[in-house]
Protein backbone atom coordinates (compact mmCIF):
# COMPACT_ATOMS: atom_id res chain seq x y z
CA MET A 1 13.76 -22.43 -5.31
CA GLU A 2 16.21 -19.45 -5.65
CA LYS A 3 16.14 -16.92 -2.76
CA SER A 4 15.20 -13.28 -3.68
CA LYS A 5 18.28 -10.86 -3.12
CA HIS A 6 15.67 -7.82 -3.02
CA GLN A 7 14.92 -6.38 0.32
CA THR A 8 11.17 -5.98 0.95
CA LYS A 9 10.22 -2.28 1.13
CA TYR A 10 7.02 -0.85 2.83
CA ILE A 11 4.93 2.29 2.14
CA PHE A 12 2.38 3.17 4.76
CA VAL A 13 -0.53 5.55 3.72
CA THR A 14 -2.06 7.02 6.90
CA GLY A 15 -4.13 10.21 7.90
CA GLY A 16 -6.92 10.93 10.11
CA VAL A 17 -8.67 13.62 7.64
CA VAL A 18 -8.60 11.35 4.54
CA SER A 19 -11.56 8.95 4.56
CA GLY A 20 -10.73 5.17 4.35
CA LEU A 21 -11.84 5.26 0.58
CA GLY A 22 -9.43 7.87 0.02
CA LYS A 23 -6.59 6.18 1.43
CA GLY A 24 -7.47 2.98 -0.63
CA ILE A 25 -7.62 4.91 -3.75
CA ILE A 26 -4.14 6.61 -3.01
CA ALA A 27 -2.73 3.22 -2.00
CA ALA A 28 -4.09 1.40 -5.17
CA SER A 29 -2.88 4.31 -7.51
CA LEU A 30 0.67 4.11 -6.02
CA GLY A 31 0.65 0.35 -6.21
CA ARG A 32 -0.34 0.55 -9.98
CA ILE A 33 2.42 3.10 -10.71
CA LEU A 34 5.02 0.84 -8.96
CA LYS A 35 3.87 -2.39 -10.70
CA GLU A 36 4.06 -0.62 -14.07
CA ARG A 37 7.70 0.07 -13.21
CA GLY A 38 8.31 -3.50 -12.88
CA LEU A 39 8.11 -3.99 -8.91
CA ARG A 40 6.05 -6.85 -7.18
CA ILE A 41 3.23 -5.13 -5.27
CA THR A 42 0.97 -6.42 -2.40
CA LEU A 43 -1.52 -4.10 -0.96
CA GLN A 44 -2.86 -4.45 2.66
CA LYS A 45 -5.24 -1.84 3.95
CA PHE A 46 -5.49 -1.37 7.79
CA ASP A 47 -7.70 1.28 9.63
CA PRO A 48 -6.60 1.12 13.24
CA TYR A 49 -9.42 3.00 14.69
CA ILE A 50 -13.22 2.18 15.58
CA ASN A 51 -16.13 4.39 14.38
CA VAL A 52 -18.45 4.93 17.29
């Protein structure tokens, strides 16, 4: 198996004011644009806070 020569790049979508759904929509839209430009995309959503 040939090793990829491309370095992994990360994009973080954060924000306290934007809802979790809003961050997901922004991340998915950005991922779609990058995928259409020929990049391989993996989306992971992480909300590091607890709603009390």
